[in-house]
């Protein structure tokens, strides 16, 4: 039974995490927003502030939880007039059901055109507004995220204007004559949600993952059973549902795990094993020169429950690779932990620069994913932040706690152990087909 409990934990972890995150983000309290409304990040996160793990310093994000239980919910995106923007929607199993990256083609991304997406509940039959793209959803809730590139400072005002062009409207509130929701940027519930979050990836500050980690077996599987009722898995998951039933977990009912002393010990061991597996990098992650990243299965995991759980654990809301590739490294080329007491160089040859249709960046975080408290506010470095190439077209990126001589191409690092995250926005296929790998981090 230990293996069944462990397998069931890995299978159900993304749904439980999403359900906890949804509950934490929706409501009328500070930092919350009603369902079918968006909350907009207003500024980049200050260093040392409480923020989600690995806060994004390249974009301002808008985020909201859509409830499609009774009718379609429509999201309208503005014309960005050439500014980079991406958007995606995840079902409650962390599958990306729609994204802008899937529709974008061409060598470069030059902003988005105005468009409306209709998220439709399973089995719904009716008429949608003209030119609205229909996306069928099998779960009650959908997590919607949009990100707009910014340089910070005075550039933030332009991004905020674009954020106000994002509209969320239930179909019953749609105004055909104005070709927009009656609620407009205020959302279907009519209350404007423009309070600042502290991150470009708006997730409650560590709370959902911490809450899930604190759940015992009964608490975890109770939560899973209740969430399953409104957010069913796919037909291909029938075997996983059978295993859940075998250990006493049925959709909509309180979990009835075996409770004898011996059985309880086995359940506890299975839970511990499931937690460990969720936090362990799967063998099918892409790897190169110490960097690890999720390949083409990102956002569309199928029966790969281990990869799905790991992605949810490390990168809540992970997009598809056409939207973003997110690679991490915590060791140098000799296998030693990265530490701010040392200086490092990442040498990109002219043909090894990150393959993107959008842009790319590198950011240093502490080992728990925070910005270093002693680093400057702007800690992301990339091709849109003054990258200076060498005469042969190569690029040397310097990583250190102290500014290097000249200060060019610098990624400021915390003084202790740290990790690097490389983000490739609108990545090209080379980023996931094995023909490109990030260069090693060399200690100087």
Protein backbone atom coordinates (compact mmCIF):
# COMPACT_ATOMS: atom_id res chain seq x y z
CA UNK A 1 0.00 0.00 0.00
CA UNK A 2 2.95 2.33 0.50
CA UNK A 3 3.52 2.57 -3.26
CA UNK A 4 -0.18 3.24 -3.91
CA UNK A 5 -0.18 6.13 -1.42
CA UNK A 6 3.04 7.52 -2.89
CA UNK A 7 1.78 7.23 -6.46
CA UNK A 8 -1.51 8.86 -5.50
CA UNK A 9 0.27 11.75 -3.81
CA UNK A 10 2.35 12.41 -6.94
CA UNK A 11 -0.75 12.13 -9.12
CA UNK A 12 -2.87 14.48 -7.00
CA UNK A 13 -0.25 17.03 -5.94
CA UNK A 14 -0.85 19.52 -8.81
CA UNK A 15 -4.61 19.59 -8.21
CA UNK A 16 -4.25 20.06 -4.45
CA UNK A 17 -1.65 22.81 -4.95
CA UNK A 18 -3.82 24.63 -7.47
CA UNK A 19 -6.88 24.35 -5.24
CA UNK A 20 -4.99 25.76 -2.26
CA UNK A 21 -3.55 28.55 -4.43
CA UNK A 22 -6.99 29.40 -5.80
CA UNK A 23 -8.47 29.60 -2.32
CA UNK A 24 -5.61 31.81 -1.13
CA UNK A 25 -5.93 34.18 -4.12
CA UNK A 26 -9.71 34.59 -4.32
CA UNK A 27 -11.87 36.52 -1.89
CA UNK A 28 -12.17 40.05 -0.58
CA UNK A 29 -9.16 40.18 1.72
CA UNK A 30 -5.83 41.99 1.21
CA UNK A 31 -4.02 40.68 -1.84
CA UNK A 32 -7.09 38.77 -3.06
CA UNK A 33 -9.42 39.20 -6.00
CA UNK A 34 -12.90 37.91 -6.69
CA UNK A 35 -13.27 35.10 -9.24
CA UNK A 36 -13.40 36.32 -12.83
CA UNK A 37 -11.39 39.43 -12.07
CA UNK A 38 -7.69 40.17 -12.51
CA UNK A 39 -5.14 41.46 -10.08
CA UNK A 40 -2.32 43.48 -11.63
CA UNK A 41 1.27 43.70 -10.44
CA UNK A 42 2.07 47.40 -10.32
CA UNK A 43 5.82 47.36 -9.71
CA UNK A 44 8.81 45.08 -9.79
CA UNK A 45 9.54 43.41 -6.44
CA UNK A 46 11.96 45.23 -4.15
CA UNK A 47 14.92 43.20 -2.99
CA UNK A 48 14.44 41.52 0.37
CA UNK A 49 10.64 41.82 0.27
CA UNK A 50 8.38 38.87 0.87
CA UNK A 51 7.60 37.47 -2.57
CA UNK A 52 6.91 34.20 -4.35
CA UNK A 53 9.90 31.98 -5.14
CA UNK A 54 12.02 33.22 -8.03
CA UNK A 55 10.14 36.49 -8.63
CA UNK A 56 10.13 37.61 -12.24
CA UNK A 57 11.95 40.88 -12.88
CA UNK A 58 11.35 41.08 -16.63
CA UNK A 59 7.60 41.57 -16.68
CA UNK A 60 4.56 42.86 -14.83
CA UNK A 61 1.88 40.22 -14.55
CA UNK A 62 -1.88 40.11 -14.31
CA UNK A 63 -3.47 37.04 -12.77
CA UNK A 64 -6.92 35.77 -11.97
CA UNK A 65 -8.98 32.65 -11.34
CA UNK A 66 -11.82 32.08 -13.77
CA UNK A 67 -14.92 30.12 -12.71
CA UNK A 68 -16.55 28.53 -15.76
CA UNK A 69 -18.98 26.32 -13.85
CA UNK A 70 -22.13 28.01 -15.17
CA UNK A 71 -21.19 29.83 -18.37
CA UNK A 72 -18.25 30.83 -20.56
CA UNK A 73 -15.85 33.49 -19.33
CA UNK A 74 -14.25 35.77 -21.92
CA UNK A 75 -10.83 37.39 -21.65
CA UNK A 76 -9.94 40.26 -23.97
CA UNK A 77 -6.30 41.14 -24.60
CA UNK A 78 -5.28 44.58 -25.89
CA UNK A 79 -3.08 45.42 -28.85
CA UNK A 80 0.38 45.88 -27.32
CA UNK A 81 1.73 47.90 -30.29
CA UNK A 82 4.93 45.90 -30.51
CA UNK A 83 5.63 45.44 -26.79
CA UNK A 84 6.25 41.83 -25.77
CA UNK A 85 3.34 40.22 -23.96
CA UNK A 86 2.39 36.61 -23.38
CA UNK A 87 -0.63 35.02 -21.76
CA UNK A 88 -1.68 31.53 -20.79
CA UNK A 89 -4.46 29.65 -19.04
CA UNK A 90 -4.01 26.50 -16.96
CA UNK A 91 -6.62 24.01 -15.90
CA UNK A 92 -6.61 22.72 -12.35
CA UNK A 93 -4.20 19.92 -13.27
CA UNK A 94 -1.63 22.54 -14.44
CA UNK A 95 -2.12 21.70 -18.11
CA UNK A 96 -1.87 24.77 -20.35
CA UNK A 97 -5.22 24.78 -22.16
CA UNK A 98 -4.44 27.94 -24.16
CA UNK A 99 -1.54 30.32 -24.64
CA UNK A 100 -0.42 33.08 -26.95
CA UNK A 101 2.76 31.17 -27.72
CA UNK A 102 0.87 28.39 -29.47
CA UNK A 103 -0.53 30.85 -31.99
CA UNK A 104 2.60 32.92 -32.62
CA UNK A 105 4.77 32.19 -35.63
CA UNK A 106 7.74 33.85 -37.25
CA UNK A 107 11.31 34.52 -36.32
CA UNK A 108 10.52 37.27 -33.80
CA UNK A 109 7.60 38.16 -31.58
CA UNK A 110 6.44 41.72 -32.15
CA UNK A 111 3.72 42.14 -29.56
CA UNK A 112 0.13 40.92 -29.59
CA UNK A 113 -2.90 42.01 -31.56
CA UNK A 114 -6.21 42.61 -29.78
CA UNK A 115 -8.12 39.36 -29.32
CA UNK A 116 -10.81 37.71 -27.20
CA UNK A 117 -10.61 34.19 -25.76
CA UNK A 118 -13.73 32.39 -24.51
CA UNK A 119 -13.16 29.71 -21.89
CA UNK A 120 -16.10 27.36 -22.16
CA UNK A 121 -17.27 24.69 -19.68
CA UNK A 122 -17.42 21.10 -20.86
CA UNK A 123 -20.64 20.29 -22.70
CA UNK A 124 -21.76 23.90 -23.10
CA UNK A 125 -23.72 24.68 -26.24
CA UNK A 126 -24.47 28.21 -27.25
CA UNK A 127 -23.35 31.21 -29.26
CA UNK A 128 -20.20 33.17 -28.51
CA UNK A 129 -19.44 36.73 -29.62
CA UNK A 130 -18.07 37.07 -33.12
CA UNK A 131 -14.32 36.49 -33.48
CA UNK A 132 -13.97 35.09 -29.95
CA UNK A 133 -11.71 32.02 -29.89
CA UNK A 134 -13.38 29.10 -28.10
CA UNK A 135 -11.34 27.07 -25.61
CA UNK A 136 -13.12 24.15 -23.95
CA UNK A 137 -12.17 23.46 -20.34
CA UNK A 138 -12.87 20.28 -18.38
CA UNK A 139 -12.23 21.72 -14.89
CA UNK A 140 -14.39 24.24 -13.06
CA UNK A 141 -11.57 26.71 -12.51
CA UNK A 142 -8.93 28.14 -14.83
CA UNK A 143 -5.84 30.07 -13.77
CA UNK A 144 -5.20 32.92 -16.21
CA UNK A 145 -1.87 34.79 -16.33
CA UNK A 146 -0.63 37.55 -18.63
CA UNK A 147 2.84 39.10 -18.58
CA UNK A 148 3.99 42.35 -20.16
CA UNK A 149 7.68 43.10 -20.62
CA UNK A 150 9.03 46.15 -18.79
CA UNK A 151 12.34 47.88 -18.17
CA UNK A 152 11.10 49.19 -14.84
CA UNK A 153 11.28 52.81 -13.71
CA UNK A 154 9.41 55.21 -15.95
CA UNK A 155 8.45 52.38 -18.29
CA UNK A 156 6.02 50.97 -15.72
CA UNK A 157 3.34 53.55 -16.52
CA UNK A 158 3.03 52.33 -20.12
CA UNK A 159 2.67 48.75 -18.90
CA UNK A 160 -0.07 49.74 -16.46
CA UNK A 161 -2.02 51.33 -19.30
CA UNK A 162 -1.88 48.04 -21.20
CA UNK A 163 -2.96 46.17 -18.07
CA UNK A 164 -6.14 48.25 -17.96
CA UNK A 165 -6.90 46.98 -21.44
CA UNK A 166 -7.16 43.43 -20.12
CA UNK A 167 -10.84 42.59 -19.64
CA UNK A 168 -12.53 39.58 -18.03
CA UNK A 169 -16.27 39.20 -18.54
CA UNK A 170 -18.78 36.41 -18.04
CA UNK A 171 -20.79 35.77 -21.20
CA UNK A 172 -23.98 37.05 -19.55
CA UNK A 173 -22.28 40.43 -19.05
CA UNK A 174 -21.00 40.79 -22.57
CA UNK A 175 -22.10 43.90 -24.45
CA UNK A 176 -22.42 43.04 -28.15
CA UNK A 177 -22.78 46.65 -29.25
CA UNK A 178 -19.59 47.81 -27.59
CA UNK A 179 -17.80 44.53 -28.47
CA UNK A 180 -16.49 44.41 -24.95
CA UNK A 181 -17.64 43.33 -21.52
CA UNK A 182 -19.96 45.72 -19.71
CA UNK A 183 -17.73 45.28 -16.71
CA UNK A 184 -14.70 46.19 -18.81
CA UNK A 185 -11.40 46.19 -17.00
CA UNK A 186 -13.30 45.95 -13.76
CA UNK A 187 -14.22 42.33 -14.41
CA UNK A 188 -17.50 40.49 -14.16
CA UNK A 189 -18.01 41.41 -10.54
CA UNK A 190 -17.63 45.13 -11.11
CA UNK A 191 -14.91 45.87 -8.58
CA UNK A 192 -11.64 47.18 -9.92
CA UNK A 193 -8.68 44.99 -9.01
CA UNK A 194 -5.53 47.02 -9.39
CA UNK A 195 -3.79 46.46 -6.06
CA UNK A 196 -0.07 45.86 -6.35
CA UNK A 197 1.44 42.43 -5.99
CA UNK A 198 5.11 41.98 -5.33
CA UNK A 199 6.04 39.80 -8.24
CA UNK A 200 5.84 39.35 -11.96
CA UNK A 201 4.66 35.79 -11.26
CA UNK A 202 1.75 36.45 -8.86
CA UNK A 203 1.46 33.50 -6.52
CA UNK A 204 0.63 33.89 -2.82
CA UNK A 205 4.02 34.33 -1.08
CA UNK A 206 5.04 30.75 -0.45
CA UNK A 207 1.67 30.00 1.11
CA UNK A 208 0.15 27.36 -1.20
CA UNK A 209 3.19 25.08 -1.34
CA UNK A 210 3.80 25.53 2.38
CA UNK A 211 0.19 24.72 3.16
CA UNK A 212 0.29 21.57 1.04
CA UNK A 213 3.58 20.49 2.61
CA UNK A 214 1.99 20.84 6.06
CA UNK A 215 -0.94 18.56 5.25
CA UNK A 216 -0.99 15.11 6.75
CA UNK A 217 -2.27 12.14 4.78
CA UNK A 218 -5.92 12.63 5.74
CA UNK A 219 -5.78 16.37 5.09
CA UNK A 220 -4.10 15.95 1.72
CA UNK A 221 -6.39 13.24 0.43
CA UNK A 222 -9.52 14.93 1.82
CA UNK A 223 -8.56 18.01 -0.15
CA UNK A 224 -7.85 15.94 -3.24
CA UNK A 225 -11.18 14.09 -3.05
CA UNK A 226 -13.19 17.31 -2.75
CA UNK A 227 -11.30 19.01 -5.58
CA UNK A 228 -11.76 15.98 -7.83
CA UNK A 229 -15.52 16.38 -7.77
CA UNK A 230 -15.47 19.66 -9.72
CA UNK A 231 -12.16 19.21 -11.50
CA UNK A 232 -12.11 15.68 -12.92
CA UNK A 233 -9.00 14.24 -14.55
CA UNK A 234 -9.01 12.94 -18.11
CA UNK A 235 -10.34 9.57 -19.19
CA UNK A 236 -6.73 8.40 -19.54
CA UNK A 237 -6.33 8.76 -15.77
CA UNK A 238 -8.80 5.96 -14.97
CA UNK A 239 -6.07 3.75 -13.52
CA UNK A 240 -4.91 6.51 -11.16
CA UNK A 241 -8.50 6.98 -9.99
CA UNK A 242 -8.78 3.24 -9.35
CA UNK A 243 -5.67 3.32 -7.16
CA UNK A 244 -7.14 6.26 -5.26
CA UNK A 245 -10.31 4.24 -4.70
CA UNK A 246 -8.25 1.29 -3.47
CA UNK A 247 -6.79 3.43 -0.66
CA UNK A 248 -10.17 4.93 0.25
CA UNK A 249 -10.24 8.18 -1.78
CA UNK A 250 -13.34 8.86 -3.86
CA UNK A 251 -14.33 12.16 -5.58
CA UNK A 252 -16.59 14.28 -3.37
CA UNK A 253 -16.31 12.11 -0.24
CA UNK A 254 -14.04 12.48 2.80
CA UNK A 255 -11.00 10.24 2.48
CA UNK A 256 -11.23 6.94 4.35
CA UNK A 257 -7.63 5.81 4.50
CA UNK A 258 -6.79 2.56 6.30
CA UNK A 259 -6.58 3.50 9.98
CA UNK A 260 -5.11 0.54 11.82
CA UNK A 261 -1.80 1.18 13.57
CA UNK A 262 0.18 -0.84 11.04
CA UNK A 263 -1.70 0.60 8.07
CA UNK A 264 -1.32 4.15 9.40
CA UNK A 265 2.46 3.71 9.50
CA UNK A 266 2.44 2.48 5.90
CA UNK A 267 0.30 5.44 4.81
CA UNK A 268 2.66 7.83 6.57
CA UNK A 269 5.65 6.24 4.83
CA UNK A 270 3.90 6.47 1.47
CA UNK A 271 3.11 10.13 2.04
CA UNK A 272 6.76 10.85 2.87
CA UNK A 273 7.88 9.00 -0.23
CA UNK A 274 5.42 10.94 -2.38
CA UNK A 275 6.71 14.25 -1.03
CA UNK A 276 10.28 13.24 -1.82
CA UNK A 277 9.40 12.17 -5.36
CA UNK A 278 7.56 15.42 -6.00
CA UNK A 279 10.66 17.44 -5.09
CA UNK A 280 13.12 15.20 -6.99
CA UNK A 281 14.09 16.15 -10.57
CA UNK A 282 12.75 13.45 -12.93
CA UNK A 283 15.22 11.66 -15.17
CA UNK A 284 13.55 13.03 -18.31
CA UNK A 285 14.36 16.68 -17.58
CA UNK A 286 16.59 18.23 -20.19
CA UNK A 287 20.12 18.77 -18.93
CA UNK A 288 23.23 20.50 -20.21
CA UNK A 289 26.38 21.79 -18.50
CA UNK A 290 24.69 21.61 -15.10
CA UNK A 291 21.48 23.36 -16.20
CA UNK A 292 18.12 21.59 -15.89
CA UNK A 293 14.85 22.46 -17.63
CA UNK A 294 11.54 20.93 -18.65
CA UNK A 295 11.30 19.97 -22.30
CA UNK A 296 8.48 19.85 -24.80
CA UNK A 297 6.08 18.19 -22.34
CA UNK A 298 5.86 21.38 -20.25
CA UNK A 299 2.24 22.37 -19.83
CA UNK A 300 0.98 19.21 -21.52
CA UNK A 301 2.10 16.31 -19.35
CA UNK A 302 -0.25 13.51 -20.32
CA UNK A 303 0.34 10.49 -18.06
CA UNK A 304 3.77 11.71 -16.90
CA UNK A 305 2.60 12.41 -13.37
CA UNK A 306 6.13 12.67 -11.94
CA UNK A 307 7.10 15.45 -14.34
CA UNK A 308 3.80 17.24 -13.79
CA UNK A 309 4.18 17.15 -10.01
CA UNK A 310 7.80 18.31 -10.13
CA UNK A 311 6.93 21.17 -12.47
CA UNK A 312 4.09 22.26 -10.17
CA UNK A 313 6.39 22.01 -7.13
CA UNK A 314 9.26 24.02 -8.63
CA UNK A 315 7.49 26.34 -11.09
CA UNK A 316 3.79 26.98 -10.34
CA UNK A 317 2.07 28.09 -13.52
CA UNK A 318 4.85 26.81 -15.79
CA UNK A 319 4.01 27.68 -19.41
CA UNK A 320 4.67 25.64 -22.52
CA UNK A 321 8.13 25.84 -24.04
CA UNK A 322 6.76 27.96 -26.89
CA UNK A 323 5.92 30.56 -24.24
CA UNK A 324 8.99 30.21 -22.04
CA UNK A 325 11.85 27.88 -21.23
CA UNK A 326 13.08 28.19 -17.65
CA UNK A 327 16.48 26.61 -16.93
CA UNK A 328 18.16 26.42 -13.52
CA UNK A 329 21.69 25.76 -12.36
CA UNK A 330 23.11 25.67 -8.82
CA UNK A 331 26.62 24.28 -9.47
CA UNK A 332 29.64 25.45 -11.40
CA UNK A 333 31.43 23.42 -14.07
CA UNK A 334 33.40 21.56 -11.39
CA UNK A 335 30.29 20.50 -9.50
CA UNK A 336 30.71 22.97 -6.62
CA UNK A 337 27.77 24.97 -5.27
CA UNK A 338 27.51 28.49 -6.65
CA UNK A 339 28.49 30.98 -3.96
CA UNK A 340 28.71 34.76 -3.91
CA UNK A 341 32.23 34.61 -2.48
CA UNK A 342 33.40 33.59 -5.96
CA UNK A 343 33.27 35.13 -9.41
CA UNK A 344 31.86 33.26 -12.39
CA UNK A 345 31.66 33.67 -16.14
CA UNK A 346 29.12 32.24 -18.58
CA UNK A 347 30.61 32.33 -22.08
CA UNK A 348 28.16 32.22 -24.97
CA UNK A 349 29.73 31.71 -28.38
CA UNK A 350 28.17 33.69 -31.21
CA UNK A 351 26.18 30.59 -32.21
CA UNK A 352 25.24 29.64 -28.65
CA UNK A 353 23.20 32.67 -27.64
CA UNK A 354 19.78 31.72 -26.21
CA UNK A 355 17.46 30.88 -29.15
CA UNK A 356 14.39 33.07 -28.67
CA UNK A 357 11.72 34.81 -30.69
CA UNK A 358 11.15 37.14 -27.74
CA UNK A 359 13.97 37.89 -25.30
CA UNK A 360 15.98 36.21 -22.54
CA UNK A 361 17.34 36.98 -19.08
CA UNK A 362 19.42 35.51 -16.25
CA UNK A 363 18.61 36.16 -12.59
CA UNK A 364 20.35 35.03 -9.40
CA UNK A 365 18.36 33.88 -6.37
CA UNK A 366 19.18 32.48 -2.96
CA UNK A 367 18.80 28.71 -2.61
CA UNK A 368 15.21 29.18 -1.43
CA UNK A 369 14.33 31.30 -4.47
CA UNK A 370 14.50 34.77 -2.91
CA UNK A 371 16.24 37.88 -4.18
CA UNK A 372 19.43 38.56 -2.27
CA UNK A 373 18.76 41.11 0.46
CA UNK A 374 22.09 42.82 -0.26
CA UNK A 375 21.69 43.00 -4.04
CA UNK A 376 20.46 46.02 -6.06
CA UNK A 377 16.81 46.18 -7.10
CA UNK A 378 17.52 45.41 -10.75
CA UNK A 379 19.12 41.95 -10.73
CA UNK A 380 18.00 40.46 -14.04
CA UNK A 381 20.47 40.62 -16.93
CA UNK A 382 19.59 39.84 -20.54
CA UNK A 383 19.57 40.86 -24.16
CA UNK A 384 17.29 43.82 -23.38
CA UNK A 385 19.47 45.22 -20.60
CA UNK A 386 22.52 46.45 -22.46
CA UNK A 387 24.31 43.18 -23.25
CA UNK A 388 27.73 43.92 -24.75
CA UNK A 389 29.11 41.33 -27.14
CA UNK A 390 32.75 40.63 -27.88
CA UNK A 391 34.21 41.43 -31.31
CA UNK A 392 33.59 37.88 -32.52
CA UNK A 393 29.91 38.07 -31.55
CA UNK A 394 30.31 36.02 -28.39
CA UNK A 395 29.01 37.17 -25.04
CA UNK A 396 30.56 36.88 -21.57
CA UNK A 397 28.14 37.16 -18.65
CA UNK A 398 29.71 37.85 -15.27
CA UNK A 399 28.11 36.55 -12.09
CA UNK A 400 29.34 37.84 -8.72
CA UNK A 401 28.25 39.53 -5.53
CA UNK A 402 30.44 42.54 -6.22
CA UNK A 403 30.29 44.56 -9.43
CA UNK A 404 33.10 43.51 -11.80
CA UNK A 405 35.52 46.00 -13.34
CA UNK A 406 33.60 47.88 -16.00
CA UNK A 407 30.28 46.57 -14.70
CA UNK A 408 29.10 45.26 -18.08
CA UNK A 409 27.06 42.06 -18.52
CA UNK A 410 26.72 41.60 -14.76
CA UNK A 411 24.33 39.34 -12.88
CA UNK A 412 24.45 40.43 -9.21
CA UNK A 413 24.49 37.39 -6.93
CA UNK A 414 23.71 36.90 -3.22
CA UNK A 415 26.74 36.60 -0.94
CA UNK A 416 25.95 33.02 0.08
CA UNK A 417 24.98 29.98 -1.96
CA UNK A 418 22.69 30.80 -4.86
CA UNK A 419 21.16 29.48 -8.06
CA UNK A 420 20.71 30.98 -11.49
CA UNK A 421 17.53 30.97 -13.55
CA UNK A 422 17.69 31.58 -17.29
CA UNK A 423 14.38 32.53 -18.89
CA UNK A 424 13.87 32.24 -22.63
CA UNK A 425 10.67 34.04 -23.63
CA UNK A 426 9.04 32.64 -26.77
CA UNK A 427 11.81 30.09 -27.11
CA UNK A 428 12.69 28.61 -30.47
CA UNK A 429 12.54 24.81 -30.98
CA UNK A 430 16.32 24.54 -30.55
CA UNK A 431 15.83 25.19 -26.83
CA UNK A 432 14.07 21.84 -26.39
CA UNK A 433 15.11 19.59 -29.28
CA UNK A 434 18.64 19.02 -27.99
CA UNK A 435 20.42 21.19 -30.54
CA UNK A 436 21.13 23.96 -28.01
CA UNK A 437 22.41 23.88 -24.45
CA UNK A 438 23.29 26.72 -22.07
CA UNK A 439 27.03 27.08 -21.48
CA UNK A 440 28.64 26.02 -18.23
CA UNK A 441 29.09 28.41 -15.29
CA UNK A 442 32.88 28.71 -14.95
CA UNK A 443 34.50 29.77 -11.68
CA UNK A 444 37.23 32.36 -12.20
